[in-house]
Amino acid sequence: MAGHLMRIGHLGKEASPEARAAYREDHRRAELAGPHELPRGFTYVREHERGM
């Protein structure tokens, strides 16, 4: 499963500094266009195996 954004703004939560850093790192590594900052109201879930 690839890393992905998860909406959390409706829960009144904000992304952790670790999630922000992981997003910046993965976004740059993938050489994606656009800002390397998480959109407001979202967090980032790194690539992982389900159930782990």
PDB file of N, CA and C in Angstrom:
ATOM      1  N   MET A   1       0.852  -1.180   0.000  1.00  0.00           N
ATOM      2  CA  MET A   1       0.000   0.000   0.000  1.00  0.00           C
ATOM      3  C   MET A   1       0.896   1.241   0.000  1.00  0.00           C
ATOM      4  N   ALA A   2       0.654   2.174  -0.897  1.00  0.00           N
ATOM      5  CA  ALA A   2       1.439   3.399  -0.987  1.00  0.00           C
ATOM      6  C   ALA A   2       1.032   4.372   0.105  1.00  0.00           C
ATOM      7  N   GLY A   3       1.917   5.332   0.414  1.00  0.00           N
ATOM      8  CA  GLY A   3       1.573   6.382   1.358  1.00  0.00           C
ATOM      9  C   GLY A   3       0.390   7.179   0.821  1.00  0.00           C
ATOM     10  N   HIS A   4      -0.393   7.743   1.742  1.00  0.00           N
ATOM     11  CA  HIS A   4      -1.580   8.478   1.297  1.00  0.00           C
ATOM     12  C   HIS A   4      -1.980   9.537   2.327  1.00  0.00           C
ATOM     13  N   LEU A   5      -2.792  10.486   1.870  1.00  0.00           N
ATOM     14  CA  LEU A   5      -3.350  11.504   2.746  1.00  0.00           C
ATOM     15  C   LEU A   5      -4.613  10.961   3.398  1.00  0.00           C
ATOM     16  N   MET A   6      -4.844  11.382   4.639  1.00  0.00           N
ATOM     17  CA  MET A   6      -6.071  11.016   5.338  1.00  0.00           C
ATOM     18  C   MET A   6      -6.674  12.298   5.912  1.00  0.00           C
ATOM     19  N   ARG A   7      -7.943  12.500   5.645  1.00  0.00           N
ATOM     20  CA  ARG A   7      -8.648  13.691   6.126  1.00  0.00           C
ATOM     21  C   ARG A   7      -8.884  13.587   7.630  1.00  0.00           C
ATOM     22  N   ILE A   8      -8.479  14.623   8.386  1.00  0.00           N
ATOM     23  CA  ILE A   8      -8.676  14.624   9.839  1.00  0.00           C
ATOM     24  C   ILE A   8      -9.242  15.949  10.348  1.00  0.00           C
ATOM     25  N   GLY A   9      -9.362  16.945   9.475  1.00  0.00           N
ATOM     26  CA  GLY A   9      -9.831  18.263   9.896  1.00  0.00           C
ATOM     27  C   GLY A   9     -11.220  18.232  10.502  1.00  0.00           C
ATOM     28  N   HIS A  10     -12.084  17.375   9.980  1.00  0.00           N
ATOM     29  CA  HIS A  10     -13.452  17.287  10.484  1.00  0.00           C
ATOM     30  C   HIS A  10     -13.490  16.724  11.911  1.00  0.00           C
ATOM     31  N   LEU A  11     -12.377  16.138  12.347  1.00  0.00           N
ATOM     32  CA  LEU A  11     -12.284  15.604  13.708  1.00  0.00           C
ATOM     33  C   LEU A  11     -11.700  16.625  14.687  1.00  0.00           C
ATOM     34  N   GLY A  12     -11.359  17.798  14.165  1.00  0.00           N
ATOM     35  CA  GLY A  12     -10.757  18.826  15.005  1.00  0.00           C
ATOM     36  C   GLY A  12      -9.306  18.525  15.339  1.00  0.00           C
ATOM     37  N   LYS A  13      -8.646  17.731  14.504  1.00  0.00           N
ATOM     38  CA  LYS A  13      -7.254  17.334  14.743  1.00  0.00           C
ATOM     39  C   LYS A  13      -6.341  17.946  13.706  1.00  0.00           C
ATOM     40  N   GLU A  14      -5.033  17.938  14.024  1.00  0.00           N
ATOM     41  CA  GLU A  14      -4.006  18.408  13.105  1.00  0.00           C
ATOM     42  C   GLU A  14      -2.948  17.333  12.962  1.00  0.00           C
ATOM     43  N   ALA A  15      -2.226  17.360  11.852  1.00  0.00           N
ATOM     44  CA  ALA A  15      -1.163  16.391  11.615  1.00  0.00           C
ATOM     45  C   ALA A  15      -0.016  16.623  12.600  1.00  0.00           C
ATOM     46  N   SER A  16       0.632  15.551  12.980  1.00  0.00           N
ATOM     47  CA  SER A  16       1.787  15.624  13.883  1.00  0.00           C
ATOM     48  C   SER A  16       2.998  16.161  13.115  1.00  0.00           C
ATOM     49  N   PRO A  17       3.982  16.677  13.834  1.00  0.00           N
ATOM     50  CA  PRO A  17       5.215  17.104  13.171  1.00  0.00           C
ATOM     51  C   PRO A  17       5.875  15.947  12.413  1.00  0.00           C
ATOM     52  N   GLU A  18       5.769  14.740  12.932  1.00  0.00           N
ATOM     53  CA  GLU A  18       6.344  13.567  12.270  1.00  0.00           C
ATOM     54  C   GLU A  18       5.651  13.284  10.941  1.00  0.00           C
ATOM     55  N   ALA A  19       4.322  13.403  10.912  1.00  0.00           N
ATOM     56  CA  ALA A  19       3.568  13.183   9.673  1.00  0.00           C
ATOM     57  C   ALA A  19       3.915  14.259   8.648  1.00  0.00           C
ATOM     58  N   ARG A  20       4.072  15.488   9.094  1.00  0.00           N
ATOM     59  CA  ARG A  20       4.446  16.583   8.185  1.00  0.00           C
ATOM     60  C   ARG A  20       5.823  16.326   7.569  1.00  0.00           C
ATOM     61  N   ALA A  21       6.776  15.916   8.405  1.00  0.00           N
ATOM     62  CA  ALA A  21       8.131  15.638   7.922  1.00  0.00           C
ATOM     63  C   ALA A  21       8.136  14.454   6.949  1.00  0.00           C
ATOM     64  N   ALA A  22       7.382  13.403   7.256  1.00  0.00           N
ATOM     65  CA  ALA A  22       7.314  12.226   6.387  1.00  0.00           C
ATOM     66  C   ALA A  22       6.736  12.606   5.029  1.00  0.00           C
ATOM     67  N   TYR A  23       5.703  13.451   5.028  1.00  0.00           N
ATOM     68  CA  TYR A  23       5.094  13.887   3.770  1.00  0.00           C
ATOM     69  C   TYR A  23       6.097  14.671   2.928  1.00  0.00           C
ATOM     70  N   ARG A  24       6.788  15.626   3.576  1.00  0.00           N
ATOM     71  CA  ARG A  24       7.786  16.422   2.845  1.00  0.00           C
ATOM     72  C   ARG A  24       8.847  15.510   2.224  1.00  0.00           C
ATOM     73  N   GLU A  25       9.355  14.577   3.024  1.00  0.00           N
ATOM     74  CA  GLU A  25      10.401  13.669   2.557  1.00  0.00           C
ATOM     75  C   GLU A  25       9.916  12.805   1.388  1.00  0.00           C
ATOM     76  N   ASP A  26       8.768  12.170   1.543  1.00  0.00           N
ATOM     77  CA  ASP A  26       8.252  11.295   0.488  1.00  0.00           C
ATOM     78  C   ASP A  26       7.863  12.084  -0.761  1.00  0.00           C
ATOM     79  N   HIS A  27       7.324  13.276  -0.587  1.00  0.00           N
ATOM     80  CA  HIS A  27       6.912  14.127  -1.709  1.00  0.00           C
ATOM     81  C   HIS A  27       8.131  14.531  -2.524  1.00  0.00           C
ATOM     82  N   ARG A  28       9.206  14.940  -1.834  1.00  0.00           N
ATOM     83  CA  ARG A  28      10.444  15.317  -2.537  1.00  0.00           C
ATOM     84  C   ARG A  28      11.077  14.109  -3.220  1.00  0.00           C
ATOM     85  N   ARG A  29      11.131  12.978  -2.502  1.00  0.00           N
ATOM     86  CA  ARG A  29      11.756  11.775  -3.047  1.00  0.00           C
ATOM     87  C   ARG A  29      11.047  11.321  -4.331  1.00  0.00           C
ATOM     88  N   ALA A  30       9.739  11.460  -4.385  1.00  0.00           N
ATOM     89  CA  ALA A  30       8.975  11.072  -5.564  1.00  0.00           C
ATOM     90  C   ALA A  30       9.035  12.132  -6.666  1.00  0.00           C
ATOM     91  N   GLU A  31       9.698  13.263  -6.368  1.00  0.00           N
ATOM     92  CA  GLU A  31       9.839  14.376  -7.315  1.00  0.00           C
ATOM     93  C   GLU A  31       8.498  14.859  -7.834  1.00  0.00           C
ATOM     94  N   LEU A  32       7.521  14.961  -6.927  1.00  0.00           N
ATOM     95  CA  LEU A  32       6.194  15.443  -7.292  1.00  0.00           C
ATOM     96  C   LEU A  32       6.181  16.961  -7.385  1.00  0.00           C
ATOM     97  N   ALA A  33       5.357  17.482  -8.255  1.00  0.00           N
ATOM     98  CA  ALA A  33       5.211  18.923  -8.411  1.00  0.00           C
ATOM     99  C   ALA A  33       4.336  19.472  -7.294  1.00  0.00           C
ATOM    100  N   GLY A  34       4.424  20.757  -7.072  1.00  0.00           N
ATOM    101  CA  GLY A  34       3.577  21.400  -6.078  1.00  0.00           C
ATOM    102  C   GLY A  34       4.267  21.506  -4.730  1.00  0.00           C
ATOM    103  N   PRO A  35       3.586  22.112  -3.774  1.00  0.00           N
ATOM    104  CA  PRO A  35       4.193  22.326  -2.463  1.00  0.00           C
ATOM    105  C   PRO A  35       4.459  21.016  -1.733  1.00  0.00           C
ATOM    106  N   HIS A  36       5.527  21.020  -0.952  1.00  0.00           N
ATOM    107  CA  HIS A  36       5.905  19.845  -0.172  1.00  0.00           C
ATOM    108  C   HIS A  36       5.284  19.870   1.226  1.00  0.00           C
ATOM    109  N   GLU A  37       4.263  20.671   1.418  1.00  0.00           N
ATOM    110  CA  GLU A  37       3.609  20.779   2.726  1.00  0.00           C
ATOM    111  C   GLU A  37       2.248  20.093   2.675  1.00  0.00           C
ATOM    112  N   LEU A  38       1.884  19.461   3.781  1.00  0.00           N
ATOM    113  CA  LEU A  38       0.571  18.817   3.875  1.00  0.00           C
ATOM    114  C   LEU A  38      -0.546  19.840   3.735  1.00  0.00           C
ATOM    115  N   PRO A  39      -1.587  19.504   3.009  1.00  0.00           N
ATOM    116  CA  PRO A  39      -2.746  20.397   2.951  1.00  0.00           C
ATOM    117  C   PRO A  39      -3.398  20.475   4.342  1.00  0.00           C
ATOM    118  N   ARG A  40      -3.957  21.622   4.645  1.00  0.00           N
ATOM    119  CA  ARG A  40      -4.632  21.808   5.933  1.00  0.00           C
ATOM    120  C   ARG A  40      -5.797  20.824   6.059  1.00  0.00           C
ATOM    121  N   GLY A  41      -5.922  20.238   7.251  1.00  0.00           N
ATOM    122  CA  GLY A  41      -7.018  19.309   7.501  1.00  0.00           C
ATOM    123  C   GLY A  41      -6.702  17.862   7.156  1.00  0.00           C
ATOM    124  N   PHE A  42      -5.442  17.586   6.778  1.00  0.00           N
ATOM    125  CA  PHE A  42      -5.040  16.236   6.406  1.00  0.00           C
ATOM    126  C   PHE A  42      -3.816  15.803   7.203  1.00  0.00           C
ATOM    127  N   THR A  43      -3.624  14.502   7.320  1.00  0.00           N
ATOM    128  CA  THR A  43      -2.394  13.926   7.831  1.00  0.00           C
ATOM    129  C   THR A  43      -1.873  12.981   6.762  1.00  0.00           C
ATOM    130  N   TYR A  44      -0.651  12.501   6.966  1.00  0.00           N
ATOM    131  CA  TYR A  44      -0.023  11.611   6.000  1.00  0.00           C
ATOM    132  C   TYR A  44       0.237  10.259   6.640  1.00  0.00           C
ATOM    133  N   VAL A  45      -0.153   9.214   5.945  1.00  0.00           N
ATOM    134  CA  VAL A  45       0.067   7.838   6.404  1.00  0.00           C
ATOM    135  C   VAL A  45       1.090   7.229   5.466  1.00  0.00           C
ATOM    136  N   ARG A  46       2.252   6.889   6.009  1.00  0.00           N
ATOM    137  CA  ARG A  46       3.319   6.306   5.191  1.00  0.00           C
ATOM    138  C   ARG A  46       2.955   4.927   4.688  1.00  0.00           C
ATOM    139  N   GLU A  47       3.651   4.488   3.646  1.00  0.00           N
ATOM    140  CA  GLU A  47       3.468   3.147   3.098  1.00  0.00           C
ATOM    141  C   GLU A  47       3.642   2.102   4.215  1.00  0.00           C
ATOM    142  N   HIS A  48       2.756   1.132   4.236  1.00  0.00           N
ATOM    143  CA  HIS A  48       2.815   0.101   5.263  1.00  0.00           C
ATOM    144  C   HIS A  48       2.047  -1.130   4.797  1.00  0.00           C
ATOM    145  N   GLU A  49       2.249  -2.207   5.498  1.00  0.00           N
ATOM    146  CA  GLU A  49       1.485  -3.442   5.250  1.00  0.00           C
ATOM    147  C   GLU A  49       0.238  -3.386   6.110  1.00  0.00           C
ATOM    148  N   ARG A  50      -0.889  -3.732   5.572  1.00  0.00           N
ATOM    149  CA  ARG A  50      -2.121  -3.747   6.369  1.00  0.00           C
ATOM    150  C   ARG A  50      -2.004  -4.737   7.522  1.00  0.00           C
ATOM    151  N   GLY A  51      -2.542  -4.325   8.657  1.00  0.00           N
ATOM    152  CA  GLY A  51      -2.540  -5.193   9.836  1.00  0.00           C
ATOM    153  C   GLY A  51      -1.248  -5.146  10.603  1.00  0.00           C
ATOM    154  N   MET A  52      -0.342  -4.248  10.230  1.00  0.00           N
ATOM    155  CA  MET A  52       0.929  -4.167  10.943  1.00  0.00           C
ATOM    156  C   MET A  52       1.010  -2.882  11.729  1.00  0.00           C
TER     157      MET A  52
END
